Amino acid sequence: MVLPLETIGGFKGILHSAELSNEAFVNPRLIPADHFTASATSQETPGTETEGPVEKAFDNDPNTFWHSKWTGDRAPYTVAMNLNTPEKVNGLTYLPRPGGGNGVVTSYEIYAQKDGQMVKVASGTWENNSKEKDC
């Protein structure tokens, strides 16, 4: 078996073993969709089958994506993920729209609520391409 490691979640290192199964993979890093609600300061509704409402950014389908309003709204935009109960979060993965193009996030700020206040916990930049990004 040959694995293209550069495409497996940004893996860097040596793979010593692997387990194969015919059962569906459940990524332990994903927060289940029923554990949060999402909102955005701009979204194209109703959108299309593949793009539009912010829920498409969290549907675990790499072929769908959130899209800001096609006309009228201007960046910067805010996408919020409100957890129903406290969860341990140790990172964020972002997959740009298929094929890249306009709308790829190239800079970000991440905030978390602490003692009733929003506190910046991360910020940075990403390359303008369609590769998966982590922070």
N, C-alpha and C. Protein backbone atom coordinates (compact mmCIF):
# COMPACT_ATOMS: atom_id res chain seq x y z
N MET A 1 0.85 -1.17 0.00
CA MET A 1 0.00 0.00 0.00
C MET A 1 0.89 1.23 0.00
N VAL A 2 0.56 2.23 -0.84
CA VAL A 2 1.30 3.48 -0.89
C VAL A 2 0.33 4.59 -0.52
N LEU A 3 0.72 5.41 0.48
CA LEU A 3 -0.13 6.51 0.92
C LEU A 3 0.52 7.83 0.56
N PRO A 4 -0.19 8.73 -0.11
CA PRO A 4 0.37 10.07 -0.40
C PRO A 4 0.29 10.92 0.87
N LEU A 5 1.26 10.81 1.75
CA LEU A 5 1.18 11.41 3.09
C LEU A 5 1.02 12.92 3.07
N GLU A 6 1.49 13.59 2.03
CA GLU A 6 1.33 15.03 2.00
C GLU A 6 -0.14 15.44 1.87
N THR A 7 -1.02 14.49 1.57
CA THR A 7 -2.44 14.82 1.44
C THR A 7 -3.28 14.30 2.59
N ILE A 8 -2.68 13.70 3.59
CA ILE A 8 -3.45 13.16 4.71
C ILE A 8 -3.37 14.14 5.88
N GLY A 9 -4.24 15.14 5.87
CA GLY A 9 -4.34 16.07 6.97
C GLY A 9 -3.05 16.78 7.35
N GLY A 10 -2.16 17.02 6.39
CA GLY A 10 -0.92 17.71 6.69
C GLY A 10 0.06 16.88 7.49
N PHE A 11 -0.09 15.55 7.47
CA PHE A 11 0.77 14.64 8.24
C PHE A 11 2.23 14.87 7.89
N LYS A 12 3.06 14.99 8.93
CA LYS A 12 4.51 15.06 8.74
C LYS A 12 5.13 14.06 9.69
N GLY A 13 5.92 13.13 9.20
CA GLY A 13 6.54 12.13 10.05
C GLY A 13 6.61 10.78 9.37
N ILE A 14 6.79 9.77 10.16
CA ILE A 14 6.91 8.41 9.64
C ILE A 14 5.67 7.62 10.08
N LEU A 15 5.05 6.97 9.14
CA LEU A 15 3.89 6.13 9.43
C LEU A 15 4.40 4.73 9.73
N HIS A 16 4.25 4.30 10.98
CA HIS A 16 4.77 3.00 11.40
C HIS A 16 3.77 1.87 11.19
N SER A 17 2.49 2.18 11.27
CA SER A 17 1.50 1.13 11.05
C SER A 17 0.20 1.78 10.62
N ALA A 18 -0.65 0.98 10.05
CA ALA A 18 -1.96 1.44 9.61
C ALA A 18 -2.95 0.31 9.80
N GLU A 19 -4.18 0.65 10.09
CA GLU A 19 -5.23 -0.35 10.25
C GLU A 19 -6.29 -0.08 9.19
N LEU A 20 -6.63 -1.08 8.44
CA LEU A 20 -7.64 -0.96 7.39
C LEU A 20 -8.95 -1.57 7.87
N SER A 21 -10.04 -0.93 7.48
CA SER A 21 -11.36 -1.40 7.90
C SER A 21 -12.35 -1.07 6.80
N ASN A 22 -13.43 -1.83 6.72
CA ASN A 22 -14.48 -1.51 5.76
C ASN A 22 -15.58 -0.67 6.40
N GLU A 23 -15.37 -0.24 7.66
CA GLU A 23 -16.34 0.61 8.34
C GLU A 23 -16.06 2.08 8.00
N ALA A 24 -17.10 2.88 8.02
CA ALA A 24 -16.96 4.31 7.73
C ALA A 24 -16.04 4.97 8.74
N PHE A 25 -15.16 5.84 8.26
CA PHE A 25 -14.23 6.55 9.12
C PHE A 25 -14.96 7.68 9.84
N VAL A 26 -14.74 7.79 11.14
CA VAL A 26 -15.27 8.89 11.93
C VAL A 26 -14.07 9.64 12.48
N ASN A 27 -13.88 10.85 11.99
CA ASN A 27 -12.73 11.65 12.40
C ASN A 27 -12.90 12.10 13.84
N PRO A 28 -12.03 11.68 14.75
CA PRO A 28 -12.18 12.05 16.16
C PRO A 28 -11.93 13.52 16.42
N ARG A 29 -11.36 14.24 15.45
CA ARG A 29 -11.11 15.67 15.62
C ARG A 29 -12.32 16.52 15.26
N LEU A 30 -13.32 15.95 14.61
CA LEU A 30 -14.49 16.73 14.21
C LEU A 30 -15.47 16.87 15.35
N ILE A 31 -16.01 18.07 15.50
CA ILE A 31 -17.09 18.29 16.46
C ILE A 31 -18.38 17.97 15.72
N PRO A 32 -19.17 17.03 16.22
CA PRO A 32 -20.41 16.64 15.52
C PRO A 32 -21.32 17.85 15.26
N ALA A 33 -21.96 17.86 14.11
CA ALA A 33 -22.80 19.00 13.70
C ALA A 33 -23.94 19.29 14.67
N ASP A 34 -24.39 18.29 15.42
CA ASP A 34 -25.47 18.55 16.37
C ASP A 34 -24.96 19.11 17.70
N HIS A 35 -23.65 19.39 17.79
CA HIS A 35 -23.07 19.96 19.00
C HIS A 35 -22.87 21.47 18.89
N PHE A 36 -23.26 22.09 17.77
CA PHE A 36 -23.05 23.52 17.59
C PHE A 36 -24.05 24.10 16.59
N THR A 37 -24.12 25.42 16.57
CA THR A 37 -24.84 26.14 15.52
C THR A 37 -23.84 27.07 14.86
N ALA A 38 -24.07 27.38 13.60
CA ALA A 38 -23.18 28.26 12.85
C ALA A 38 -23.96 29.46 12.34
N SER A 39 -23.27 30.59 12.24
CA SER A 39 -23.88 31.80 11.68
C SER A 39 -22.80 32.57 10.93
N ALA A 40 -23.23 33.48 10.08
CA ALA A 40 -22.29 34.30 9.31
C ALA A 40 -22.87 35.69 9.14
N THR A 41 -21.99 36.68 9.04
CA THR A 41 -22.45 38.05 8.83
C THR A 41 -22.95 38.27 7.41
N SER A 42 -22.66 37.35 6.52
CA SER A 42 -23.15 37.42 5.15
C SER A 42 -23.25 35.99 4.63
N GLN A 43 -24.33 35.69 3.92
CA GLN A 43 -24.47 34.38 3.29
C GLN A 43 -25.48 34.48 2.16
N GLU A 44 -25.21 33.74 1.10
CA GLU A 44 -26.11 33.72 -0.05
C GLU A 44 -27.19 32.68 0.21
N THR A 45 -28.41 33.16 0.41
CA THR A 45 -29.53 32.25 0.63
C THR A 45 -30.60 32.50 -0.42
N PRO A 46 -31.21 31.49 -0.96
CA PRO A 46 -31.02 30.10 -0.59
C PRO A 46 -29.77 29.48 -1.18
N GLY A 47 -29.08 30.16 -2.09
CA GLY A 47 -27.87 29.60 -2.68
C GLY A 47 -28.20 28.56 -3.73
N THR A 48 -27.25 27.66 -3.94
CA THR A 48 -27.42 26.58 -4.92
C THR A 48 -27.20 25.25 -4.21
N GLU A 49 -27.19 24.19 -4.97
CA GLU A 49 -26.97 22.87 -4.39
C GLU A 49 -25.59 22.77 -3.73
N THR A 50 -24.59 23.50 -4.28
CA THR A 50 -23.22 23.36 -3.78
C THR A 50 -22.72 24.56 -2.98
N GLU A 51 -23.37 25.70 -3.04
CA GLU A 51 -22.85 26.87 -2.33
C GLU A 51 -23.98 27.74 -1.79
N GLY A 52 -23.65 28.48 -0.73
CA GLY A 52 -24.64 29.39 -0.18
C GLY A 52 -24.59 29.50 1.33
N PRO A 53 -25.60 28.99 2.04
CA PRO A 53 -25.71 29.17 3.48
C PRO A 53 -24.50 28.66 4.25
N VAL A 54 -24.22 29.27 5.39
CA VAL A 54 -23.04 28.93 6.18
C VAL A 54 -23.04 27.47 6.61
N GLU A 55 -24.18 26.84 6.73
CA GLU A 55 -24.23 25.42 7.12
C GLU A 55 -23.43 24.55 6.16
N LYS A 56 -23.30 24.98 4.91
CA LYS A 56 -22.53 24.20 3.93
C LYS A 56 -21.04 24.17 4.27
N ALA A 57 -20.57 25.11 5.09
CA ALA A 57 -19.17 25.11 5.51
C ALA A 57 -18.91 24.04 6.56
N PHE A 58 -19.97 23.52 7.16
CA PHE A 58 -19.84 22.57 8.27
C PHE A 58 -20.51 21.23 7.98
N ASP A 59 -20.85 20.96 6.72
CA ASP A 59 -21.60 19.74 6.41
C ASP A 59 -20.70 18.54 6.10
N ASN A 60 -19.39 18.71 6.22
CA ASN A 60 -18.42 17.63 6.00
C ASN A 60 -18.43 17.12 4.56
N ASP A 61 -18.86 17.97 3.64
CA ASP A 61 -18.86 17.62 2.21
C ASP A 61 -17.89 18.57 1.51
N PRO A 62 -16.76 18.06 1.01
CA PRO A 62 -15.77 18.94 0.37
C PRO A 62 -16.26 19.59 -0.92
N ASN A 63 -17.41 19.17 -1.43
CA ASN A 63 -17.94 19.73 -2.67
C ASN A 63 -18.92 20.87 -2.44
N THR A 64 -19.23 21.17 -1.18
CA THR A 64 -20.13 22.29 -0.87
C THR A 64 -19.37 23.33 -0.07
N PHE A 65 -19.85 24.58 -0.12
CA PHE A 65 -19.16 25.64 0.61
C PHE A 65 -20.08 26.81 0.89
N TRP A 66 -19.73 27.53 1.96
CA TRP A 66 -20.42 28.76 2.33
C TRP A 66 -20.02 29.84 1.32
N HIS A 67 -20.97 30.71 1.00
CA HIS A 67 -20.67 31.83 0.11
C HIS A 67 -21.32 33.07 0.68
N SER A 68 -20.56 34.16 0.75
CA SER A 68 -21.15 35.44 1.17
C SER A 68 -22.16 35.87 0.11
N LYS A 69 -22.96 36.90 0.43
CA LYS A 69 -23.94 37.38 -0.55
C LYS A 69 -23.22 37.74 -1.84
N TRP A 70 -23.83 37.36 -2.95
CA TRP A 70 -23.21 37.60 -4.25
C TRP A 70 -23.12 39.09 -4.55
N THR A 71 -24.03 39.88 -4.02
CA THR A 71 -23.98 41.32 -4.22
C THR A 71 -24.38 42.03 -2.93
N GLY A 72 -23.81 43.21 -2.72
CA GLY A 72 -24.24 44.05 -1.62
C GLY A 72 -23.38 44.06 -0.38
N ASP A 73 -22.86 42.94 0.06
CA ASP A 73 -22.06 42.89 1.28
C ASP A 73 -20.58 42.98 0.94
N ARG A 74 -19.82 43.57 1.86
CA ARG A 74 -18.37 43.71 1.66
C ARG A 74 -17.62 43.05 2.82
N ALA A 75 -16.46 42.48 2.50
CA ALA A 75 -15.59 41.90 3.53
C ALA A 75 -15.09 43.02 4.45
N PRO A 76 -14.68 42.70 5.68
CA PRO A 76 -14.48 41.35 6.21
C PRO A 76 -15.78 40.71 6.68
N TYR A 77 -15.81 39.40 6.65
CA TYR A 77 -16.97 38.62 7.09
C TYR A 77 -16.61 37.86 8.36
N THR A 78 -17.61 37.53 9.13
CA THR A 78 -17.41 36.74 10.33
C THR A 78 -18.26 35.49 10.24
N VAL A 79 -17.63 34.35 10.50
CA VAL A 79 -18.33 33.08 10.61
C VAL A 79 -18.20 32.64 12.06
N ALA A 80 -19.31 32.37 12.71
CA ALA A 80 -19.30 31.98 14.12
C ALA A 80 -19.78 30.55 14.29
N MET A 81 -19.11 29.83 15.16
CA MET A 81 -19.49 28.46 15.52
C MET A 81 -19.77 28.50 17.02
N ASN A 82 -21.03 28.39 17.40
CA ASN A 82 -21.43 28.47 18.79
C ASN A 82 -21.70 27.07 19.33
N LEU A 83 -20.85 26.64 20.25
CA LEU A 83 -20.96 25.29 20.82
C LEU A 83 -22.12 25.22 21.80
N ASN A 84 -22.87 24.13 21.76
CA ASN A 84 -23.99 23.93 22.68
C ASN A 84 -23.52 23.72 24.11
N THR A 85 -22.40 23.04 24.27
CA THR A 85 -21.80 22.80 25.59
C THR A 85 -20.29 22.96 25.43
N PRO A 86 -19.57 23.17 26.51
CA PRO A 86 -18.11 23.30 26.40
C PRO A 86 -17.49 22.07 25.75
N GLU A 87 -16.56 22.31 24.84
CA GLU A 87 -15.83 21.25 24.14
C GLU A 87 -14.36 21.62 24.14
N LYS A 88 -13.50 20.63 24.17
CA LYS A 88 -12.08 20.89 24.02
C LYS A 88 -11.80 21.07 22.53
N VAL A 89 -11.27 22.21 22.17
CA VAL A 89 -10.94 22.51 20.77
C VAL A 89 -9.45 22.79 20.72
N ASN A 90 -8.73 22.03 19.90
CA ASN A 90 -7.28 22.24 19.83
C ASN A 90 -6.80 22.61 18.44
N GLY A 91 -7.71 23.01 17.58
CA GLY A 91 -7.30 23.41 16.25
C GLY A 91 -8.49 23.65 15.34
N LEU A 92 -8.19 24.13 14.16
CA LEU A 92 -9.21 24.39 13.16
C LEU A 92 -8.65 23.94 11.81
N THR A 93 -9.47 23.28 11.04
CA THR A 93 -9.10 22.89 9.68
C THR A 93 -10.03 23.62 8.72
N TYR A 94 -9.44 24.18 7.68
CA TYR A 94 -10.19 24.94 6.69
C TYR A 94 -9.89 24.36 5.31
N LEU A 95 -10.93 24.00 4.58
CA LEU A 95 -10.79 23.51 3.21
C LEU A 95 -11.43 24.54 2.29
N PRO A 96 -10.62 25.25 1.49
CA PRO A 96 -11.19 26.24 0.57
C PRO A 96 -12.13 25.60 -0.45
N ARG A 97 -12.89 26.44 -1.09
CA ARG A 97 -13.82 25.97 -2.11
C ARG A 97 -13.10 25.14 -3.17
N PRO A 98 -13.79 24.18 -3.76
CA PRO A 98 -13.15 23.34 -4.78
C PRO A 98 -12.59 24.20 -5.92
N GLY A 99 -11.36 23.94 -6.30
CA GLY A 99 -10.75 24.68 -7.39
C GLY A 99 -10.20 26.04 -7.00
N GLY A 100 -10.30 26.41 -5.73
CA GLY A 100 -9.77 27.71 -5.29
C GLY A 100 -10.59 28.84 -5.87
N GLY A 101 -9.95 29.78 -6.50
CA GLY A 101 -10.65 30.92 -7.08
C GLY A 101 -10.93 31.99 -6.05
N ASN A 102 -11.90 32.84 -6.36
CA ASN A 102 -12.20 33.91 -5.42
C ASN A 102 -12.80 33.35 -4.13
N GLY A 103 -12.68 34.10 -3.06
CA GLY A 103 -13.28 33.68 -1.81
C GLY A 103 -12.43 32.81 -0.92
N VAL A 104 -11.16 32.59 -1.25
CA VAL A 104 -10.29 31.79 -0.39
C VAL A 104 -9.83 32.65 0.78
N VAL A 105 -10.01 32.14 1.99
CA VAL A 105 -9.57 32.87 3.18
C VAL A 105 -8.05 32.87 3.22
N THR A 106 -7.44 34.06 3.27
CA THR A 106 -5.98 34.16 3.32
C THR A 106 -5.48 34.74 4.64
N SER A 107 -6.36 35.31 5.44
CA SER A 107 -5.98 35.75 6.78
C SER A 107 -7.15 35.49 7.72
N TYR A 108 -6.83 35.19 8.97
CA TYR A 108 -7.89 34.81 9.91
C TYR A 108 -7.56 35.29 11.31
N GLU A 109 -8.60 35.42 12.12
CA GLU A 109 -8.51 35.64 13.55
C GLU A 109 -9.54 34.71 14.19
N ILE A 110 -9.14 34.00 15.23
CA ILE A 110 -10.04 33.08 15.91
C ILE A 110 -10.22 33.56 17.35
N TYR A 111 -11.47 33.64 17.77
CA TYR A 111 -11.81 34.10 19.11
C TYR A 111 -12.55 33.02 19.86
N ALA A 112 -12.39 33.00 21.16
CA ALA A 112 -13.12 32.09 22.03
C ALA A 112 -13.66 32.91 23.20
N GLN A 113 -14.75 32.46 23.76
CA GLN A 113 -15.33 33.17 24.89
C GLN A 113 -14.70 32.67 26.19
N LYS A 114 -14.23 33.60 27.01
CA LYS A 114 -13.65 33.26 28.31
C LYS A 114 -14.17 34.29 29.31
N ASP A 115 -14.82 33.78 30.36
CA ASP A 115 -15.38 34.65 31.39
C ASP A 115 -16.29 35.72 30.79
N GLY A 116 -17.07 35.34 29.78
CA GLY A 116 -18.03 36.26 29.18
C GLY A 116 -17.44 37.23 28.18
N GLN A 117 -16.15 37.16 27.93
CA GLN A 117 -15.49 38.07 26.99
C GLN A 117 -14.93 37.28 25.81
N MET A 118 -14.94 37.89 24.63
CA MET A 118 -14.32 37.28 23.46
C MET A 118 -12.83 37.59 23.48
N VAL A 119 -12.00 36.54 23.41
CA VAL A 119 -10.55 36.67 23.49
C VAL A 119 -9.94 36.06 22.24
N LYS A 120 -9.02 36.79 21.58
CA LYS A 120 -8.35 36.24 20.40
C LYS A 120 -7.41 35.13 20.85
N VAL A 121 -7.57 33.94 20.26
CA VAL A 121 -6.73 32.80 20.62
C VAL A 121 -5.77 32.40 19.50
N ALA A 122 -6.01 32.90 18.29
CA ALA A 122 -5.12 32.59 17.18
C ALA A 122 -5.36 33.58 16.05
N SER A 123 -4.33 33.80 15.26
CA SER A 123 -4.45 34.61 14.04
C SER A 123 -3.30 34.22 13.13
N GLY A 124 -3.46 34.50 11.87
CA GLY A 124 -2.40 34.16 10.93
C GLY A 124 -2.83 34.35 9.50
N THR A 125 -2.02 33.83 8.60
CA THR A 125 -2.30 33.91 7.17
C THR A 125 -2.13 32.53 6.55
N TRP A 126 -2.82 32.34 5.45
CA TRP A 126 -2.72 31.12 4.67
C TRP A 126 -2.43 31.48 3.22
N GLU A 127 -1.83 30.55 2.48
CA GLU A 127 -1.58 30.74 1.06
C GLU A 127 -2.91 30.74 0.31
N ASN A 128 -2.94 31.48 -0.79
CA ASN A 128 -4.13 31.57 -1.63
C ASN A 128 -4.14 30.40 -2.62
N ASN A 129 -4.60 29.25 -2.13
CA ASN A 129 -4.72 28.06 -2.97
C ASN A 129 -5.84 27.19 -2.42
N SER A 130 -6.10 26.06 -3.05
CA SER A 130 -7.23 25.23 -2.65
C SER A 130 -6.82 24.08 -1.71
N LYS A 131 -5.60 24.10 -1.17
CA LYS A 131 -5.16 23.05 -0.26
C LYS A 131 -5.77 23.24 1.12
N GLU A 132 -5.98 22.13 1.84
CA GLU A 132 -6.50 22.17 3.20
C GLU A 132 -5.51 22.90 4.10
N LYS A 133 -6.05 23.71 5.02
CA LYS A 133 -5.22 24.50 5.92
C LYS A 133 -5.56 24.20 7.37
N ASP A 134 -4.57 24.30 8.25
CA ASP A 134 -4.76 24.05 9.68
C ASP A 134 -4.22 25.23 10.48
N CYS A 135 -4.76 25.38 11.65
CA CYS A 135 -4.19 26.33 12.61
C CYS A 135 -4.49 25.82 14.01
